Amino acid sequence: MARLGDRSDQVEERAARQALALELKFAVTDLNGWQTAYGYDDGDSRPRFEQSRTEVLRDLARTARRLTDARESALLGRLRTGLRGFLALDEVAYSALRRGQTERVRRIFLGPEIARFQTMASAADDLAAYEAVQAEAARRASDTERRDARRQLVAVALGAGVLIVLLLVTAQDVARAALESRAGDRPRPAAPTAPPPD
C-alpha cells in the first residue's frame, strides 16, 4: 500500500510538471501572437503584449523552480536564450514602430523575430513532449504496481483460505481424537458374571 501511495504521488507530480510545460508553451505562443498584433495595429495591442511578456517571464521562472532535472534544465535554458533574443529584437522593432517605420517592423517580425520565436516554441514543445513521456511512464508504473498489488492480495487471500481450511481440518481431527480418547477413558461396564454352579 505504501508503494501504491508513492506511485500515486509520482503520477500527480508528473501531471503537474506536464501542466507547467504546457502552460509555458501556450504563453510563448500567446506572446508571439500579441507581438504580431501590435505590429499590424500601429501599437494598439502593445499593452496586451507587455502583459503577455510578464506572464511568460513569470511562467518561465515558476517552471524553472520546479523542473530541475538535466533534460528539463537544458530545454529551459534553450527557451530562455531564445526569449532573451526575442525580447531584445522586440525593443528594436517597437522603437522603429514609434518612429513610424512600419515596414521595418514587419520585416523584423516576419524575418529574424520568427526565427527567435521558433527557437522558443521548439524548446517549449520539446519540454512539453518530454513531460508527457515522463507522465505516461509514471502512469504505466503506477498501473503495474496496482496490478502487482492485486495479485499479491489474491495470493495472500488464497493462502489465508488454505490455512483456514487446514486449521479447520486439524481442529476437527483434534476434536475427534479428544472425543475418542474421552470415550476410551470411561469405565466399561463389568461383564456379567456367571452364577456359581449348584
N, C-alpha and C. Protein backbone atom coordinates (compact mmCIF):
# COMPACT_ATOMS: atom_id res chain seq x y z
N MET A 1 0.83 -1.19 0.00
CA MET A 1 0.00 0.00 0.00
C MET A 1 0.88 1.26 0.00
N ALA A 2 1.99 1.20 0.71
CA ALA A 2 2.91 2.35 0.74
C ALA A 2 3.47 2.61 -0.66
N ARG A 3 3.83 1.51 -1.37
CA ARG A 3 4.35 1.67 -2.73
C ARG A 3 3.28 2.25 -3.65
N LEU A 4 2.04 1.82 -3.47
CA LEU A 4 0.95 2.37 -4.29
C LEU A 4 0.80 3.86 -4.03
N GLY A 5 0.90 4.24 -2.76
CA GLY A 5 0.81 5.65 -2.40
C GLY A 5 1.93 6.46 -3.05
N ASP A 6 3.14 5.90 -3.03
CA ASP A 6 4.28 6.59 -3.65
C ASP A 6 4.06 6.74 -5.15
N ARG A 7 3.58 5.68 -5.78
CA ARG A 7 3.34 5.74 -7.23
C ARG A 7 2.27 6.77 -7.56
N SER A 8 1.24 6.83 -6.74
CA SER A 8 0.17 7.81 -6.96
C SER A 8 0.72 9.23 -6.85
N ASP A 9 1.60 9.44 -5.87
CA ASP A 9 2.23 10.77 -5.71
C ASP A 9 3.07 11.11 -6.93
N GLN A 10 3.79 10.11 -7.46
CA GLN A 10 4.63 10.35 -8.63
C GLN A 10 3.77 10.71 -9.85
N VAL A 11 2.64 10.03 -9.99
CA VAL A 11 1.74 10.34 -11.12
C VAL A 11 1.25 11.78 -11.01
N GLU A 12 0.84 12.18 -9.81
CA GLU A 12 0.37 13.55 -9.61
C GLU A 12 1.46 14.56 -9.89
N GLU A 13 2.66 14.28 -9.42
CA GLU A 13 3.79 15.20 -9.63
C GLU A 13 4.10 15.34 -11.11
N ARG A 14 4.13 14.22 -11.82
CA ARG A 14 4.43 14.27 -13.25
C ARG A 14 3.32 15.00 -14.03
N ALA A 15 2.08 14.81 -13.62
CA ALA A 15 0.97 15.52 -14.28
C ALA A 15 1.11 17.03 -14.05
N ALA A 16 1.51 17.42 -12.85
CA ALA A 16 1.68 18.85 -12.54
C ALA A 16 2.82 19.43 -13.37
N ARG A 17 3.90 18.67 -13.54
CA ARG A 17 5.03 19.14 -14.34
C ARG A 17 4.62 19.27 -15.81
N GLN A 18 3.84 18.32 -16.28
CA GLN A 18 3.36 18.38 -17.66
C GLN A 18 2.49 19.63 -17.85
N ALA A 19 1.63 19.92 -16.88
CA ALA A 19 0.77 21.09 -16.96
C ALA A 19 1.60 22.38 -17.02
N LEU A 20 2.67 22.46 -16.23
CA LEU A 20 3.55 23.63 -16.26
C LEU A 20 4.17 23.81 -17.65
N ALA A 21 4.64 22.72 -18.22
CA ALA A 21 5.27 22.79 -19.54
C ALA A 21 4.26 23.23 -20.60
N LEU A 22 3.04 22.74 -20.50
CA LEU A 22 2.01 23.13 -21.47
C LEU A 22 1.61 24.60 -21.31
N GLU A 23 1.55 25.08 -20.07
CA GLU A 23 1.25 26.50 -19.83
C GLU A 23 2.33 27.37 -20.44
N LEU A 24 3.58 26.96 -20.27
CA LEU A 24 4.69 27.73 -20.81
C LEU A 24 4.64 27.74 -22.34
N LYS A 25 4.32 26.61 -22.92
CA LYS A 25 4.21 26.51 -24.38
C LYS A 25 3.11 27.46 -24.89
N PHE A 26 1.98 27.47 -24.20
CA PHE A 26 0.89 28.36 -24.59
C PHE A 26 1.31 29.82 -24.43
N ALA A 27 1.99 30.14 -23.33
CA ALA A 27 2.39 31.52 -23.05
C ALA A 27 3.33 32.05 -24.12
N VAL A 28 4.26 31.21 -24.58
CA VAL A 28 5.20 31.62 -25.63
C VAL A 28 4.45 31.92 -26.93
N THR A 29 3.51 31.06 -27.26
CA THR A 29 2.71 31.27 -28.49
C THR A 29 1.87 32.53 -28.37
N ASP A 30 1.29 32.76 -27.19
CA ASP A 30 0.48 33.94 -26.94
C ASP A 30 1.33 35.21 -27.10
N LEU A 31 2.56 35.18 -26.58
CA LEU A 31 3.46 36.32 -26.68
C LEU A 31 3.72 36.69 -28.14
N ASN A 32 4.01 35.69 -28.94
CA ASN A 32 4.27 35.95 -30.36
C ASN A 32 3.03 36.50 -31.05
N GLY A 33 1.87 35.97 -30.70
CA GLY A 33 0.62 36.45 -31.32
C GLY A 33 0.36 37.92 -31.02
N TRP A 34 0.57 38.32 -29.77
CA TRP A 34 0.33 39.73 -29.42
C TRP A 34 1.40 40.64 -30.02
N GLN A 35 2.61 40.14 -30.19
CA GLN A 35 3.63 40.95 -30.85
C GLN A 35 3.22 41.23 -32.30
N THR A 36 2.80 40.17 -32.99
CA THR A 36 2.36 40.34 -34.37
C THR A 36 1.18 41.32 -34.43
N ALA A 37 0.26 41.19 -33.47
CA ALA A 37 -0.92 42.07 -33.45
C ALA A 37 -0.49 43.54 -33.32
N TYR A 38 0.39 43.85 -32.39
CA TYR A 38 0.72 45.27 -32.22
C TYR A 38 1.54 45.80 -33.40
N GLY A 39 2.24 44.89 -34.09
CA GLY A 39 2.98 45.31 -35.29
C GLY A 39 2.05 45.70 -36.43
N TYR A 40 0.84 45.16 -36.43
CA TYR A 40 -0.11 45.43 -37.51
C TYR A 40 -1.23 46.39 -37.11
N ASP A 41 -1.33 46.71 -35.82
CA ASP A 41 -2.38 47.67 -35.43
C ASP A 41 -1.78 48.97 -34.89
N ASP A 42 -0.57 49.28 -35.39
CA ASP A 42 0.15 50.51 -35.03
C ASP A 42 0.37 50.65 -33.53
N GLY A 43 0.58 49.55 -32.86
CA GLY A 43 0.94 49.58 -31.45
C GLY A 43 -0.22 49.53 -30.47
N ASP A 44 -1.46 49.46 -30.98
CA ASP A 44 -2.62 49.44 -30.07
C ASP A 44 -2.58 48.22 -29.13
N SER A 45 -2.07 47.10 -29.61
CA SER A 45 -2.03 45.86 -28.80
C SER A 45 -0.77 45.75 -27.95
N ARG A 46 0.08 46.77 -27.97
CA ARG A 46 1.33 46.69 -27.21
C ARG A 46 1.09 46.43 -25.71
N PRO A 47 0.10 47.08 -25.05
CA PRO A 47 -0.12 46.76 -23.63
C PRO A 47 -0.44 45.28 -23.39
N ARG A 48 -1.19 44.69 -24.32
CA ARG A 48 -1.51 43.26 -24.16
C ARG A 48 -0.26 42.41 -24.38
N PHE A 49 0.60 42.83 -25.29
CA PHE A 49 1.87 42.16 -25.50
C PHE A 49 2.71 42.23 -24.22
N GLU A 50 2.76 43.40 -23.60
CA GLU A 50 3.56 43.57 -22.38
C GLU A 50 3.02 42.70 -21.24
N GLN A 51 1.71 42.59 -21.18
CA GLN A 51 1.11 41.70 -20.17
C GLN A 51 1.50 40.25 -20.44
N SER A 52 1.45 39.88 -21.71
CA SER A 52 1.83 38.52 -22.10
C SER A 52 3.31 38.27 -21.80
N ARG A 53 4.15 39.27 -22.03
CA ARG A 53 5.58 39.15 -21.73
C ARG A 53 5.79 38.89 -20.24
N THR A 54 5.06 39.62 -19.40
CA THR A 54 5.14 39.43 -17.95
C THR A 54 4.73 38.01 -17.58
N GLU A 55 3.67 37.51 -18.21
CA GLU A 55 3.19 36.15 -17.93
C GLU A 55 4.22 35.11 -18.34
N VAL A 56 4.86 35.30 -19.48
CA VAL A 56 5.88 34.34 -19.94
C VAL A 56 7.05 34.32 -18.96
N LEU A 57 7.51 35.48 -18.55
CA LEU A 57 8.64 35.54 -17.62
C LEU A 57 8.27 34.90 -16.28
N ARG A 58 7.05 35.13 -15.82
CA ARG A 58 6.59 34.52 -14.57
C ARG A 58 6.49 33.00 -14.71
N ASP A 59 5.89 32.55 -15.82
CA ASP A 59 5.74 31.10 -16.05
C ASP A 59 7.10 30.42 -16.18
N LEU A 60 8.02 31.09 -16.85
CA LEU A 60 9.36 30.52 -17.03
C LEU A 60 10.07 30.38 -15.69
N ALA A 61 9.98 31.41 -14.85
CA ALA A 61 10.62 31.35 -13.52
C ALA A 61 9.99 30.25 -12.67
N ARG A 62 8.67 30.15 -12.69
CA ARG A 62 7.97 29.13 -11.89
C ARG A 62 8.32 27.73 -12.39
N THR A 63 8.36 27.57 -13.69
CA THR A 63 8.68 26.27 -14.28
C THR A 63 10.12 25.87 -13.96
N ALA A 64 11.04 26.83 -14.03
CA ALA A 64 12.45 26.54 -13.76
C ALA A 64 12.67 26.13 -12.30
N ARG A 65 11.86 26.65 -11.40
CA ARG A 65 11.98 26.24 -9.99
C ARG A 65 11.53 24.80 -9.79
N ARG A 66 10.60 24.34 -10.59
CA ARG A 66 10.00 23.01 -10.39
C ARG A 66 10.64 21.94 -11.28
N LEU A 67 11.01 22.29 -12.49
CA LEU A 67 11.56 21.32 -13.44
C LEU A 67 13.08 21.47 -13.45
N THR A 68 13.74 20.57 -12.73
CA THR A 68 15.17 20.78 -12.50
C THR A 68 16.07 19.63 -12.94
N ASP A 69 15.51 18.57 -13.56
CA ASP A 69 16.43 17.52 -13.99
C ASP A 69 17.24 18.02 -15.19
N ALA A 70 18.26 17.27 -15.58
CA ALA A 70 19.20 17.75 -16.60
C ALA A 70 18.52 18.08 -17.92
N ARG A 71 17.63 17.21 -18.36
CA ARG A 71 16.94 17.45 -19.64
C ARG A 71 16.05 18.68 -19.56
N GLU A 72 15.30 18.79 -18.46
CA GLU A 72 14.42 19.94 -18.28
C GLU A 72 15.23 21.24 -18.24
N SER A 73 16.32 21.23 -17.50
CA SER A 73 17.16 22.44 -17.39
C SER A 73 17.73 22.85 -18.74
N ALA A 74 18.16 21.86 -19.53
CA ALA A 74 18.71 22.17 -20.86
C ALA A 74 17.64 22.79 -21.76
N LEU A 75 16.44 22.23 -21.74
CA LEU A 75 15.37 22.76 -22.58
C LEU A 75 14.94 24.16 -22.12
N LEU A 76 14.88 24.34 -20.80
CA LEU A 76 14.52 25.67 -20.29
C LEU A 76 15.62 26.68 -20.61
N GLY A 77 16.87 26.25 -20.59
CA GLY A 77 17.98 27.14 -20.98
C GLY A 77 17.85 27.56 -22.43
N ARG A 78 17.51 26.61 -23.29
CA ARG A 78 17.32 26.92 -24.71
C ARG A 78 16.17 27.91 -24.90
N LEU A 79 15.09 27.68 -24.17
CA LEU A 79 13.93 28.58 -24.26
C LEU A 79 14.30 29.97 -23.75
N ARG A 80 15.03 30.03 -22.63
CA ARG A 80 15.43 31.32 -22.04
C ARG A 80 16.31 32.10 -23.01
N THR A 81 17.24 31.41 -23.68
CA THR A 81 18.12 32.07 -24.66
C THR A 81 17.30 32.63 -25.81
N GLY A 82 16.37 31.84 -26.32
CA GLY A 82 15.50 32.30 -27.40
C GLY A 82 14.66 33.49 -26.98
N LEU A 83 14.16 33.43 -25.75
CA LEU A 83 13.31 34.52 -25.26
C LEU A 83 14.11 35.82 -25.11
N ARG A 84 15.35 35.71 -24.61
CA ARG A 84 16.19 36.92 -24.48
C ARG A 84 16.39 37.59 -25.85
N GLY A 85 16.72 36.77 -26.85
CA GLY A 85 16.90 37.31 -28.20
C GLY A 85 15.62 37.90 -28.76
N PHE A 86 14.52 37.21 -28.51
CA PHE A 86 13.20 37.66 -28.98
C PHE A 86 12.85 39.02 -28.38
N LEU A 87 13.04 39.16 -27.07
CA LEU A 87 12.67 40.41 -26.40
C LEU A 87 13.62 41.55 -26.76
N ALA A 88 14.90 41.22 -26.97
CA ALA A 88 15.86 42.26 -27.37
C ALA A 88 15.49 42.80 -28.75
N LEU A 89 15.17 41.91 -29.68
CA LEU A 89 14.79 42.35 -31.02
C LEU A 89 13.44 43.05 -31.00
N ASP A 90 12.57 42.65 -30.07
CA ASP A 90 11.28 43.32 -29.95
C ASP A 90 11.47 44.80 -29.59
N GLU A 91 12.44 45.10 -28.73
CA GLU A 91 12.70 46.50 -28.37
C GLU A 91 13.11 47.30 -29.60
N VAL A 92 13.92 46.70 -30.46
CA VAL A 92 14.33 47.36 -31.70
C VAL A 92 13.11 47.62 -32.57
N ALA A 93 12.25 46.60 -32.69
CA ALA A 93 11.06 46.73 -33.53
C ALA A 93 10.10 47.78 -32.97
N TYR A 94 9.91 47.79 -31.67
CA TYR A 94 8.97 48.73 -31.07
C TYR A 94 9.49 50.17 -31.21
N SER A 95 10.79 50.33 -31.08
CA SER A 95 11.40 51.64 -31.28
C SER A 95 11.16 52.12 -32.72
N ALA A 96 11.32 51.19 -33.68
CA ALA A 96 11.08 51.53 -35.08
C ALA A 96 9.61 51.88 -35.30
N LEU A 97 8.72 51.17 -34.63
CA LEU A 97 7.28 51.44 -34.78
C LEU A 97 6.96 52.85 -34.27
N ARG A 98 7.56 53.25 -33.16
CA ARG A 98 7.29 54.59 -32.61
C ARG A 98 7.83 55.69 -33.54
N ARG A 99 8.81 55.34 -34.36
CA ARG A 99 9.34 56.31 -35.33
C ARG A 99 8.57 56.23 -36.65
N GLY A 100 7.55 55.37 -36.69
CA GLY A 100 6.72 55.28 -37.90
C GLY A 100 7.30 54.38 -38.97
N GLN A 101 8.27 53.56 -38.63
CA GLN A 101 8.91 52.67 -39.62
C GLN A 101 8.19 51.32 -39.65
N THR A 102 6.94 51.35 -40.08
CA THR A 102 6.12 50.13 -40.01
C THR A 102 6.65 49.02 -40.92
N GLU A 103 7.20 49.39 -42.07
CA GLU A 103 7.74 48.35 -42.96
C GLU A 103 8.93 47.64 -42.31
N ARG A 104 9.77 48.39 -41.64
CA ARG A 104 10.92 47.78 -40.94
C ARG A 104 10.42 46.84 -39.84
N VAL A 105 9.39 47.28 -39.11
CA VAL A 105 8.83 46.45 -38.03
C VAL A 105 8.34 45.13 -38.61
N ARG A 106 7.63 45.18 -39.69
CA ARG A 106 7.09 43.95 -40.29
C ARG A 106 8.19 43.04 -40.82
N ARG A 107 9.24 43.66 -41.37
CA ARG A 107 10.37 42.83 -41.82
C ARG A 107 11.03 42.12 -40.63
N ILE A 108 11.15 42.83 -39.52
CA ILE A 108 11.74 42.22 -38.31
C ILE A 108 10.86 41.09 -37.82
N PHE A 109 9.54 41.36 -37.73
CA PHE A 109 8.61 40.35 -37.19
C PHE A 109 8.51 39.13 -38.09
N LEU A 110 8.56 39.34 -39.39
CA LEU A 110 8.39 38.21 -40.32
C LEU A 110 9.71 37.53 -40.68
N GLY A 111 10.82 38.10 -40.23
CA GLY A 111 12.13 37.52 -40.52
C GLY A 111 12.81 37.00 -39.27
N PRO A 112 13.75 37.80 -38.74
CA PRO A 112 14.54 37.30 -37.61
C PRO A 112 13.71 37.02 -36.34
N GLU A 113 12.64 37.77 -36.16
CA GLU A 113 11.84 37.55 -34.95
C GLU A 113 11.10 36.21 -35.02
N ILE A 114 10.68 35.82 -36.20
CA ILE A 114 10.04 34.50 -36.37
C ILE A 114 11.05 33.40 -36.02
N ALA A 115 12.30 33.57 -36.44
CA ALA A 115 13.33 32.57 -36.14
C ALA A 115 13.52 32.44 -34.63
N ARG A 116 13.52 33.57 -33.92
CA ARG A 116 13.66 33.52 -32.46
C ARG A 116 12.44 32.88 -31.80
N PHE A 117 11.29 33.21 -32.34
CA PHE A 117 10.06 32.59 -31.81
C PHE A 117 10.12 31.08 -32.02
N GLN A 118 10.57 30.64 -33.19
CA GLN A 118 10.64 29.21 -33.46
C GLN A 118 11.60 28.51 -32.51
N THR A 119 12.68 29.17 -32.13
CA THR A 119 13.60 28.60 -31.14
C THR A 119 12.89 28.40 -29.82
N MET A 120 12.16 29.44 -29.39
CA MET A 120 11.41 29.33 -28.13
C MET A 120 10.33 28.27 -28.22
N ALA A 121 9.57 28.30 -29.30
CA ALA A 121 8.45 27.37 -29.47
C ALA A 121 8.94 25.94 -29.53
N SER A 122 10.07 25.72 -30.22
CA SER A 122 10.63 24.38 -30.32
C SER A 122 11.07 23.87 -28.95
N ALA A 123 11.72 24.73 -28.16
CA ALA A 123 12.14 24.33 -26.82
C ALA A 123 10.93 24.04 -25.94
N ALA A 124 9.92 24.90 -26.02
CA ALA A 124 8.70 24.70 -25.22
C ALA A 124 7.99 23.42 -25.64
N ASP A 125 7.96 23.17 -26.94
CA ASP A 125 7.31 21.96 -27.45
C ASP A 125 8.07 20.71 -27.01
N ASP A 126 9.40 20.76 -27.10
CA ASP A 126 10.22 19.62 -26.65
C ASP A 126 10.04 19.36 -25.16
N LEU A 127 9.94 20.43 -24.39
CA LEU A 127 9.74 20.29 -22.95
C LEU A 127 8.38 19.65 -22.66
N ALA A 128 7.35 20.13 -23.35
CA ALA A 128 6.01 19.56 -23.15
C ALA A 128 5.99 18.08 -23.55
N ALA A 129 6.67 17.75 -24.65
CA ALA A 129 6.72 16.35 -25.10
C ALA A 129 7.48 15.49 -24.08
N TYR A 130 8.58 16.00 -23.56
CA TYR A 130 9.36 15.27 -22.56
C TYR A 130 8.51 15.01 -21.31
N GLU A 131 7.80 16.04 -20.86
CA GLU A 131 6.95 15.88 -19.67
C GLU A 131 5.81 14.91 -19.93
N ALA A 132 5.29 14.90 -21.15
CA ALA A 132 4.22 13.95 -21.49
C ALA A 132 4.74 12.52 -21.41
N VAL A 133 5.95 12.28 -21.92
CA VAL A 133 6.55 10.94 -21.86
C VAL A 133 6.77 10.53 -20.40
N GLN A 134 7.29 11.45 -19.59
CA GLN A 134 7.54 11.14 -18.18
C GLN A 134 6.23 10.87 -17.44
N ALA A 135 5.20 11.64 -17.75
CA ALA A 135 3.90 11.44 -17.10
C ALA A 135 3.31 10.08 -17.48
N GLU A 136 3.46 9.72 -18.75
CA GLU A 136 2.94 8.42 -19.21
C GLU A 136 3.71 7.28 -18.55
N ALA A 137 5.03 7.43 -18.42
CA ALA A 137 5.84 6.40 -17.76
C ALA A 137 5.41 6.24 -16.30
N ALA A 138 5.14 7.35 -15.64
CA ALA A 138 4.69 7.29 -14.24
C ALA A 138 3.33 6.60 -14.14
N ARG A 139 2.44 6.89 -15.09
CA ARG A 139 1.11 6.23 -15.09
C ARG A 139 1.24 4.73 -15.32
N ARG A 140 2.12 4.35 -16.27
CA ARG A 140 2.33 2.91 -16.53
C ARG A 140 2.90 2.21 -15.31
N ALA A 141 3.89 2.84 -14.67
CA ALA A 141 4.50 2.25 -13.47
C ALA A 141 3.46 2.10 -12.36
N SER A 142 2.58 3.10 -12.25
CA SER A 142 1.53 3.04 -11.24
C SER A 142 0.54 1.91 -11.54
N ASP A 143 0.18 1.77 -12.82
CA ASP A 143 -0.73 0.69 -13.22
C ASP A 143 -0.11 -0.68 -12.93
N THR A 144 1.18 -0.83 -13.24
CA THR A 144 1.89 -2.09 -12.98
C THR A 144 1.91 -2.37 -11.48
N GLU A 145 2.20 -1.35 -10.70
CA GLU A 145 2.24 -1.51 -9.24
C GLU A 145 0.87 -1.94 -8.71
N ARG A 146 -0.18 -1.34 -9.27
CA ARG A 146 -1.54 -1.68 -8.84
C ARG A 146 -1.88 -3.13 -9.20
N ARG A 147 -1.50 -3.54 -10.42
CA ARG A 147 -1.74 -4.94 -10.82
C ARG A 147 -0.98 -5.90 -9.93
N ASP A 148 0.29 -5.57 -9.66
CA ASP A 148 1.09 -6.43 -8.78
C ASP A 148 0.49 -6.51 -7.39
N ALA A 149 0.02 -5.38 -6.89
CA ALA A 149 -0.59 -5.37 -5.56
C ALA A 149 -1.84 -6.23 -5.53
N ARG A 150 -2.65 -6.17 -6.60
CA ARG A 150 -3.86 -7.01 -6.68
C ARG A 150 -3.48 -8.48 -6.68
N ARG A 151 -2.45 -8.82 -7.47
CA ARG A 151 -2.01 -10.23 -7.50
C ARG A 151 -1.54 -10.68 -6.12
N GLN A 152 -0.80 -9.81 -5.45
CA GLN A 152 -0.31 -10.17 -4.12
C GLN A 152 -1.47 -10.34 -3.14
N LEU A 153 -2.47 -9.46 -3.26
CA LEU A 153 -3.63 -9.59 -2.37
C LEU A 153 -4.38 -10.90 -2.63
N VAL A 154 -4.52 -11.25 -3.91
CA VAL A 154 -5.20 -12.51 -4.25
C VAL A 154 -4.40 -13.68 -3.71
N ALA A 155 -3.07 -13.64 -3.87
CA ALA A 155 -2.22 -14.73 -3.37
C ALA A 155 -2.33 -14.85 -1.85
N VAL A 156 -2.32 -13.71 -1.16
CA VAL A 156 -2.44 -13.72 0.29
C VAL A 156 -3.81 -14.26 0.70
N ALA A 157 -4.86 -13.83 -0.02
CA ALA A 157 -6.21 -14.30 0.30
C ALA A 157 -6.32 -15.81 0.08
N LEU A 158 -5.74 -16.31 -1.03
CA LEU A 158 -5.78 -17.75 -1.27
C LEU A 158 -5.00 -18.50 -0.20
N GLY A 159 -3.82 -17.97 0.14
CA GLY A 159 -3.02 -18.59 1.19
C GLY A 159 -3.76 -18.61 2.52
N ALA A 160 -4.44 -17.52 2.83
CA ALA A 160 -5.21 -17.45 4.08
C ALA A 160 -6.36 -18.45 4.04
N GLY A 161 -7.00 -18.56 2.87
CA GLY A 161 -8.10 -19.53 2.73
C GLY A 161 -7.64 -20.95 2.95
N VAL A 162 -6.50 -21.31 2.34
CA VAL A 162 -5.94 -22.66 2.51
C VAL A 162 -5.59 -22.88 3.97
N LEU A 163 -4.98 -21.89 4.61
CA LEU A 163 -4.61 -22.02 6.02
C LEU A 163 -5.85 -22.23 6.90
N ILE A 164 -6.90 -21.49 6.59
CA ILE A 164 -8.14 -21.65 7.38
C ILE A 164 -8.70 -23.06 7.21
N VAL A 165 -8.71 -23.55 5.98
CA VAL A 165 -9.21 -24.92 5.74
C VAL A 165 -8.36 -25.92 6.52
N LEU A 166 -7.03 -25.77 6.46
CA LEU A 166 -6.15 -26.68 7.19
C LEU A 166 -6.40 -26.60 8.70
N LEU A 167 -6.59 -25.41 9.21
CA LEU A 167 -6.88 -25.25 10.63
C LEU A 167 -8.20 -25.91 11.01
N LEU A 168 -9.20 -25.75 10.14
CA LEU A 168 -10.50 -26.37 10.42
C LEU A 168 -10.39 -27.90 10.43
N VAL A 169 -9.68 -28.43 9.43
CA VAL A 169 -9.50 -29.89 9.36
C VAL A 169 -8.73 -30.37 10.58
N THR A 170 -7.67 -29.65 10.94
CA THR A 170 -6.87 -30.02 12.11
C THR A 170 -7.71 -29.94 13.38
N ALA A 171 -8.48 -28.87 13.50
CA ALA A 171 -9.32 -28.71 14.69
C ALA A 171 -10.33 -29.84 14.77
N GLN A 172 -10.87 -30.22 13.62
CA GLN A 172 -11.85 -31.32 13.60
C GLN A 172 -11.18 -32.63 14.02
N ASP A 173 -9.96 -32.89 13.51
CA ASP A 173 -9.23 -34.10 13.88
C ASP A 173 -8.90 -34.10 15.37
N VAL A 174 -8.49 -32.95 15.90
CA VAL A 174 -8.17 -32.85 17.33
C VAL A 174 -9.43 -33.09 18.16
N ALA A 175 -10.53 -32.52 17.74
CA ALA A 175 -11.79 -32.70 18.48
C ALA A 175 -12.21 -34.17 18.44
N ARG A 176 -12.09 -34.79 17.27
CA ARG A 176 -12.46 -36.20 17.15
C ARG A 176 -11.57 -37.06 18.05
N ALA A 177 -10.26 -36.79 18.02
CA ALA A 177 -9.32 -37.56 18.85
C ALA A 177 -9.63 -37.37 20.32
N ALA A 178 -9.99 -36.16 20.70
CA ALA A 178 -10.31 -35.89 22.11
C ALA A 178 -11.57 -36.65 22.52
N LEU A 179 -12.55 -36.66 21.62
CA LEU A 179 -13.80 -37.39 21.93
C LEU A 179 -13.53 -38.89 22.03
N GLU A 180 -12.71 -39.39 21.14
CA GLU A 180 -12.40 -40.83 21.18
C GLU A 180 -11.60 -41.17 22.44
N SER A 181 -10.70 -40.30 22.80
CA SER A 181 -9.90 -40.52 23.99
C SER A 181 -10.78 -40.49 25.23
N ARG A 182 -11.71 -39.61 25.23
CA ARG A 182 -12.63 -39.50 26.36
C ARG A 182 -13.47 -40.75 26.47
N ALA A 183 -13.94 -41.20 25.31
CA ALA A 183 -14.75 -42.42 25.30
C ALA A 183 -13.92 -43.60 25.78
N GLY A 184 -12.64 -43.64 25.49
CA GLY A 184 -11.76 -44.73 25.90
C GLY A 184 -11.46 -44.67 27.39
N ASP A 185 -11.58 -43.55 28.03
CA ASP A 185 -11.28 -43.41 29.46
C ASP A 185 -12.47 -43.77 30.35
N ARG A 186 -13.65 -43.87 29.82
CA ARG A 186 -14.81 -44.21 30.66
C ARG A 186 -14.71 -45.65 31.12
N PRO A 187 -15.11 -45.92 32.38
CA PRO A 187 -15.09 -47.33 32.82
C PRO A 187 -16.08 -48.13 32.02
N ARG A 188 -15.64 -49.29 31.64
CA ARG A 188 -16.52 -50.15 30.86
C ARG A 188 -17.38 -50.94 31.83
N PRO A 189 -18.62 -51.14 31.49
CA PRO A 189 -19.47 -51.94 32.40
C PRO A 189 -18.88 -53.33 32.54
N ALA A 190 -18.94 -53.82 33.77
CA ALA A 190 -18.39 -55.16 34.05
C ALA A 190 -19.16 -56.19 33.29
N ALA A 191 -18.44 -57.16 32.83
CA ALA A 191 -19.11 -58.24 32.13
C ALA A 191 -19.92 -59.05 33.12
N PRO A 192 -21.10 -59.45 32.80
CA PRO A 192 -21.93 -60.23 33.74
C PRO A 192 -21.18 -61.52 34.11
N THR A 193 -21.24 -61.74 35.34
CA THR A 193 -20.57 -62.97 35.83
C THR A 193 -21.59 -64.10 35.84
N ALA A 194 -21.09 -65.28 35.56
CA ALA A 194 -21.99 -66.46 35.55
C ALA A 194 -22.30 -66.84 37.00
N PRO A 195 -23.54 -67.26 37.32
CA PRO A 195 -23.87 -67.68 38.70
C PRO A 195 -23.06 -68.90 39.05
N PRO A 196 -22.72 -69.04 40.31
CA PRO A 196 -21.94 -70.21 40.73
C PRO A 196 -22.70 -71.49 40.45
N PRO A 197 -22.00 -72.55 40.17
CA PRO A 197 -22.69 -73.84 39.87
C PRO A 197 -23.31 -74.41 41.13
N ASP A 198 -24.40 -75.02 40.97
CA ASP A 198 -25.12 -75.65 42.10
C ASP A 198 -24.47 -76.89 42.49
